[in-house]
Protein backbone atom coordinates (compact mmCIF):
# COMPACT_ATOMS: atom_id res chain seq x y z
CA MET A 1 75.43 55.62 -9.30
CA LYS A 2 78.77 57.30 -10.00
CA ASP A 3 78.74 61.04 -10.97
CA VAL A 4 80.05 61.28 -14.53
CA TYR A 5 81.65 64.61 -13.68
CA GLU A 6 83.58 63.22 -10.73
CA LEU A 7 87.30 63.79 -11.08
CA SER A 8 89.81 60.95 -10.84
CA PRO A 9 92.20 61.14 -7.91
CA SER A 10 95.17 62.03 -10.17
CA MET A 11 93.23 64.89 -11.71
CA ARG A 12 92.23 66.17 -8.22
CA VAL A 13 95.91 66.12 -7.27
CA LEU A 14 96.99 67.88 -10.48
CA ILE A 15 94.47 70.70 -9.80
CA LEU A 16 95.53 70.81 -6.14
CA LEU A 17 99.21 71.28 -6.97
CA HIS A 18 98.19 74.15 -9.29
CA ASN A 19 96.01 75.64 -6.63
CA ILE A 20 98.76 75.68 -4.03
CA SER A 21 101.24 76.96 -6.63
CA ALA A 22 103.52 74.01 -6.69
CA VAL A 23 104.70 74.94 -10.20
CA ASP A 24 108.49 74.81 -9.80
CA TYR A 25 111.14 73.38 -7.53
CA SER A 26 111.24 76.47 -5.30
CA SER A 27 107.51 76.09 -4.55
CA ALA A 28 107.46 72.21 -4.51
CA LYS A 29 105.63 70.43 -1.75
CA ARG A 30 106.27 67.39 0.45
CA VAL A 31 103.71 64.48 0.36
CA GLU A 32 102.82 65.44 3.91
CA ASP A 33 101.91 68.95 2.79
CA ILE A 34 99.75 67.70 -0.08
CA ASP A 35 98.18 64.97 2.08
CA GLY A 36 96.77 67.51 4.58
CA LEU A 37 94.95 69.32 1.71
CA SER A 38 93.95 66.43 -0.53
CA GLY A 39 91.30 64.75 1.53
CA MET A 40 92.63 61.37 0.15
CA SER A 41 94.15 58.40 1.95
CA GLU A 42 97.95 58.41 1.94
CA GLN A 43 98.00 55.41 -0.42
CA GLU A 44 95.49 57.02 -2.82
CA LEU A 45 97.60 60.17 -2.91
CA GLN A 46 100.81 58.30 -3.53
CA ASN A 47 99.23 56.32 -6.31
CA ALA A 48 97.97 59.57 -7.89
CA LEU A 49 101.39 61.19 -7.59
CA ASP A 50 103.04 58.15 -9.14
CA GLU A 51 100.60 58.08 -11.97
CA LEU A 52 101.14 61.80 -12.74
CA ALA A 53 104.86 61.46 -12.51
CA SER A 54 104.74 58.48 -14.97
CA TYR A 55 102.82 60.73 -17.45
CA GLY A 56 105.39 63.52 -16.96
CA TYR A 57 102.77 65.94 -15.50
CA VAL A 58 104.44 66.06 -12.07
CA LEU A 59 108.22 66.14 -11.25
CA ARG A 60 109.64 64.50 -8.10
CA ARG A 61 112.91 65.82 -6.74
CA ASP A 62 114.44 65.49 -3.29
CA GLY A 63 111.14 64.15 -1.94
CA LEU A 64 109.29 67.20 -3.30
CA TYR A 65 106.53 67.31 -5.93
CA TYR A 66 105.70 70.01 -8.42
CA LEU A 67 103.97 70.46 -11.74
CA SER A 68 106.05 70.11 -14.83
CA GLY A 69 105.60 72.32 -17.88
CA LEU A 70 103.38 69.61 -19.34
CA GLY A 71 101.28 69.45 -16.16
CA ILE A 72 100.81 73.20 -16.32
CA SER A 73 99.68 72.90 -19.87
CA ILE A 74 97.12 70.25 -18.89
CA ILE A 75 95.76 72.56 -16.17
CA ARG A 76 95.56 75.37 -18.65
CA SER A 77 93.55 73.24 -21.05
CA ILE A 78 90.99 72.68 -18.28
CA TYR A 79 90.35 76.38 -17.84
CA THR A 80 90.24 77.47 -21.42
C-alpha cells in the first residue's frame, strides 16, 4: 500500500533545491551535484527536473539548475 503522504519525485527535488540553497544563478547546481543528494536514479531526477522546469518552478541555465521565484513561492506555501 502506498503512503498517502509520500512526496512525488518532483516535489522531493523542489525541496532539495531549497535545502541546498539553489535559489539563484550564483548558487545553482549541476545535475551531478543534485544526483548525489537526491537518492533517485539519474533518469528519475532528470524527469523531475524537466517537469519542474516545464511548470516554471526551476530554471535551467548553462547546465545548472536553481529555483525560480515561483518555485520559491511553492516552497514557502509548504512551510506556512
